[in-house]
C-alpha atoms as a PDB file:
ATOM      1  CA  MET A   1     -38.740   8.818 -34.743  1.00  0.00           C
ATOM      2  CA  ALA A   2     -37.135   5.753 -33.366  1.00  0.00           C
ATOM      3  CA  HIS A   3     -37.690   2.493 -35.363  1.00  0.00           C
ATOM      4  CA  ASN A   4     -38.467  -0.679 -33.538  1.00  0.00           C
ATOM      5  CA  LYS A   5     -36.475  -3.704 -34.324  1.00  0.00           C
ATOM      6  CA  TYR A   6     -39.550  -5.729 -34.673  1.00  0.00           C
ATOM      7  CA  GLU A   7     -41.605  -3.360 -36.719  1.00  0.00           C
ATOM      8  CA  MET A   8     -44.034  -4.842 -39.098  1.00  0.00           C
ATOM      9  CA  THR A   9     -44.461  -3.527 -42.550  1.00  0.00           C
ATOM     10  CA  MET A  10     -47.851  -3.582 -44.601  1.00  0.00           C
ATOM     11  CA  GLN A  11     -47.457  -5.016 -47.937  1.00  0.00           C
ATOM     12  CA  GLY A  12     -50.894  -4.848 -49.208  1.00  0.00           C
ATOM     13  CA  GLN A  13     -52.767  -7.281 -51.312  1.00  0.00           C
ATOM     14  CA  PRO A  14     -51.068  -9.934 -53.546  1.00  0.00           C
ATOM     15  CA  ARG A  15     -50.623  -8.718 -57.112  1.00  0.00           C
ATOM     16  CA  GLY A  16     -51.739 -11.768 -59.004  1.00  0.00           C
ATOM     17  CA  PRO A  17     -54.066 -14.756 -58.840  1.00  0.00           C
ATOM     18  CA  VAL A  18     -52.962 -16.868 -55.817  1.00  0.00           C
ATOM     19  CA  PRO A  19     -53.704 -20.652 -56.127  1.00  0.00           C
ATOM     20  CA  VAL A  20     -55.808 -21.904 -53.359  1.00  0.00           C
ATOM     21  CA  THR A  21     -54.785 -25.085 -51.847  1.00  0.00           C
ATOM     22  CA  SER A  22     -56.536 -27.179 -49.248  1.00  0.00           C
ATOM     23  CA  THR A  23     -55.587 -30.035 -47.161  1.00  0.00           C
ATOM     24  CA  VAL A  24     -58.019 -32.792 -46.207  1.00  0.00           C
ATOM     25  CA  ILE A  25     -57.129 -34.986 -43.255  1.00  0.00           C
ATOM     26  CA  ASN A  26     -59.310 -38.090 -42.791  1.00  0.00           C
ATOM     27  CA  MET A  27     -59.457 -38.903 -39.139  1.00  0.00           C
ATOM     28  CA  GLN A  28     -60.955 -42.075 -37.932  1.00  0.00           C
ATOM     29  CA  PRO A  29     -63.355 -41.722 -34.923  1.00  0.00           C
ATOM     30  CA  GLU A  30     -62.106 -42.620 -31.490  1.00  0.00           C
ATOM     31  CA  VAL A  31     -63.041 -46.238 -30.946  1.00  0.00           C
ATOM     32  CA  SER A  32     -64.352 -46.959 -27.453  1.00  0.00           C
ATOM     33  CA  GLU A  33     -64.769 -50.789 -27.722  1.00  0.00           C
ATOM     34  CA  PRO A  34     -64.139 -52.188 -24.226  1.00  0.00           C
ATOM     35  CA  ASP A  35     -61.323 -54.729 -23.976  1.00  0.00           C
ATOM     36  CA  HIS A  36     -62.334 -55.938 -20.437  1.00  0.00           C
ATOM     37  CA  ILE A  37     -58.798 -55.998 -19.247  1.00  0.00           C
ATOM     38  CA  VAL A  38     -59.545 -54.842 -15.659  1.00  0.00           C
ATOM     39  CA  TRP A  39     -62.285 -57.417 -15.372  1.00  0.00           C
ATOM     40  CA  SER A  40     -59.929 -60.131 -16.713  1.00  0.00           C
ATOM     41  CA  LEU A  41     -57.153 -59.018 -14.258  1.00  0.00           C
ATOM     42  CA  PHE A  42     -59.630 -59.349 -11.426  1.00  0.00           C
ATOM     43  CA  ASN A  43     -60.727 -62.775 -12.504  1.00  0.00           C
ATOM     44  CA  THR A  44     -57.136 -63.876 -12.933  1.00  0.00           C
ATOM     45  CA  MET A  45     -56.325 -62.846  -9.420  1.00  0.00           C
ATOM     46  CA  PHE A  46     -59.470 -64.131  -7.649  1.00  0.00           C
ATOM     47  CA  PHE A  47     -61.552 -66.482  -9.929  1.00  0.00           C
ATOM     48  CA  ASN A  48     -58.969 -68.277 -11.958  1.00  0.00           C
ATOM     49  CA  VAL A  49     -60.836 -71.574 -12.287  1.00  0.00           C
ATOM     50  CA  CYS A  50     -59.351 -73.743 -14.918  1.00  0.00           C
ATOM     51  CA  CYS A  51     -57.129 -70.812 -15.976  1.00  0.00           C
ATOM     52  CA  LEU A  52     -60.149 -69.105 -17.540  1.00  0.00           C
ATOM     53  CA  GLY A  53     -59.193 -65.820 -15.906  1.00  0.00           C
ATOM     54  CA  PHE A  54     -55.645 -65.938 -17.335  1.00  0.00           C
ATOM     55  CA  MET A  55     -56.936 -66.828 -20.750  1.00  0.00           C
ATOM     56  CA  ALA A  56     -59.386 -63.946 -20.622  1.00  0.00           C
ATOM     57  CA  PHE A  57     -56.590 -61.645 -19.639  1.00  0.00           C
ATOM     58  CA  ALA A  58     -54.527 -62.833 -22.595  1.00  0.00           C
ATOM     59  CA  TYR A  59     -57.464 -62.193 -24.978  1.00  0.00           C
ATOM     60  CA  SER A  60     -58.040 -58.852 -23.511  1.00  0.00           C
ATOM     61  CA  VAL A  61     -54.453 -57.826 -24.146  1.00  0.00           C
ATOM     62  CA  LYS A  62     -54.723 -59.060 -27.659  1.00  0.00           C
ATOM     63  CA  SER A  63     -57.975 -56.979 -28.042  1.00  0.00           C
ATOM     64  CA  ARG A  64     -56.072 -53.915 -26.883  1.00  0.00           C
ATOM     65  CA  ASP A  65     -53.195 -54.533 -29.321  1.00  0.00           C
ATOM     66  CA  ARG A  66     -55.580 -55.033 -32.155  1.00  0.00           C
ATOM     67  CA  LYS A  67     -57.269 -51.690 -31.310  1.00  0.00           C
ATOM     68  CA  LEU A  68     -54.033 -49.787 -31.146  1.00  0.00           C
ATOM     69  CA  ALA A  69     -53.060 -51.417 -34.532  1.00  0.00           C
ATOM     70  CA  GLY A  70     -56.286 -49.994 -35.977  1.00  0.00           C
ATOM     71  CA  ASP A  71     -57.942 -53.485 -36.471  1.00  0.00           C
ATOM     72  CA  ILE A  72     -61.310 -52.762 -35.201  1.00  0.00           C
ATOM     73  CA  THR A  73     -62.936 -56.065 -36.213  1.00  0.00           C
ATOM     74  CA  GLY A  74     -60.090 -58.114 -34.688  1.00  0.00           C
ATOM     75  CA  ALA A  75     -60.341 -56.054 -31.487  1.00  0.00           C
ATOM     76  CA  LYS A  76     -64.107 -56.824 -31.232  1.00  0.00           C
ATOM     77  CA  ASN A  77     -63.638 -60.432 -31.777  1.00  0.00           C
ATOM     78  CA  TYR A  78     -60.878 -60.765 -29.116  1.00  0.00           C
ATOM     79  CA  ALA A  79     -62.925 -58.586 -26.691  1.00  0.00           C
ATOM     80  CA  SER A  80     -65.886 -60.837 -27.232  1.00  0.00           C
ATOM     81  CA  THR A  81     -64.001 -63.943 -26.413  1.00  0.00           C
ATOM     82  CA  ALA A  82     -62.497 -62.270 -23.294  1.00  0.00           C
ATOM     83  CA  LYS A  83     -65.979 -61.271 -22.116  1.00  0.00           C
ATOM     84  CA  ILE A  84     -67.357 -64.810 -22.583  1.00  0.00           C
ATOM     85  CA  MET A  85     -64.272 -66.275 -20.582  1.00  0.00           C
ATOM     86  CA  ASN A  86     -64.758 -63.654 -17.836  1.00  0.00           C
ATOM     87  CA  VAL A  87     -68.458 -64.510 -17.387  1.00  0.00           C
ATOM     88  CA  THR A  88     -67.570 -68.191 -17.265  1.00  0.00           C
ATOM     89  CA  ALA A  89     -64.774 -67.719 -14.839  1.00  0.00           C
ATOM     90  CA  LEU A  90     -66.931 -65.535 -12.603  1.00  0.00           C
ATOM     91  CA  ILE A  91     -69.812 -68.004 -12.480  1.00  0.00           C
ATOM     92  CA  LEU A  92     -67.495 -71.014 -11.942  1.00  0.00           C
ATOM     93  CA  GLY A  93     -65.348 -69.049  -9.356  1.00  0.00           C
ATOM     94  CA  CYS A  94     -68.518 -68.110  -7.412  1.00  0.00           C
ATOM     95  CA  PHE A  95     -69.880 -71.579  -7.441  1.00  0.00           C
ATOM     96  CA  PHE A  96     -66.511 -73.044  -6.434  1.00  0.00           C
ATOM     97  CA  TYR A  97     -66.165 -70.658  -3.513  1.00  0.00           C
ATOM     98  CA  PHE A  98     -69.837 -71.375  -2.514  1.00  0.00           C
ATOM     99  CA  VAL A  99     -69.044 -75.094  -2.379  1.00  0.00           C
ATOM    100  CA  VAL A 100     -65.695 -74.925  -0.750  1.00  0.00           C
ATOM    101  CA  ILE A 101     -66.501 -72.257   1.886  1.00  0.00           C
ATOM    102  CA  PHE A 102     -70.224 -72.461   2.701  1.00  0.00           C
ATOM    103  CA  THR A 103     -70.861 -76.182   2.482  1.00  0.00           C
ATOM    104  CA  PRO A 104     -68.547 -77.201   5.347  1.00  0.00           C
ATOM    105  CA  ILE A 105     -69.779 -74.358   7.469  1.00  0.00           C
ATOM    106  CA  SER A 106     -73.384 -75.374   6.954  1.00  0.00           C
ATOM    107  CA  SER A 107     -72.676 -79.030   7.408  1.00  0.00           C
ATOM    108  CA  SER A 108     -70.924 -78.313  10.637  1.00  0.00           C
ATOM    109  CA  CYS A 109     -73.910 -76.220  12.043  1.00  0.00           C
ATOM    110  CA  ARG A 110     -76.271 -79.202  11.408  1.00  0.00           C
ATOM    111  CA  GLN A 111     -74.393 -81.587  13.626  1.00  0.00           C
ATOM    112  CA  PRO A 112     -75.785 -81.759  17.171  1.00  0.00           C
ATOM    113  CA  PHE A 113     -73.676 -80.531  19.912  1.00  0.00           C
ATOM    114  CA  SER A 114     -72.516 -83.459  22.053  1.00  0.00           C
ATOM    115  CA  VAL A 115     -70.161 -83.699  24.932  1.00  0.00           C
ATOM    116  CA  HIS A 116     -68.361 -87.007  25.519  1.00  0.00           C
ATOM    117  CA  VAL A 117     -67.839 -87.607  29.213  1.00  0.00           C
ATOM    118  CA  ASN A 118     -65.674 -90.368  30.246  1.00  0.00           C
ATOM    119  CA  LYS A 119     -67.588 -92.141  33.110  1.00  0.00           C
ATOM    120  CA  ASP A 120     -64.474 -93.616  34.524  1.00  0.00           C
ATOM    121  CA  SER A 121     -62.841 -90.343  35.276  1.00  0.00           C
ATOM    122  CA  VAL A 122     -65.869 -88.818  36.969  1.00  0.00           C
ATOM    123  CA  GLN A 123     -66.291 -89.815  40.720  1.00  0.00           C
END
């Protein structure tokens, strides 16, 4: 009978008491605290009134860094500050765009249409 090069041999049960060892791994649960970085980037690009969008983006990045470092409390504080700045930037930005864009349009629609004809040129 030909022997296989990778043949397994059965050795049976161990002959004495074998110490049982166990390993415990404490894993922290995955933290899904939002850092509002996408919202902050949007506000930085489109609603950056008084640099609130940029400051919110900076706090969002700090929140993400704290989360990666394992400081959950610090991450929540930075995320909360970023959220407040994002809401403020969004409200002020919408108000600013409303005043700048819609007020001149609506005021030009209220003026009566008039044609100025020079009487000297008409014969």
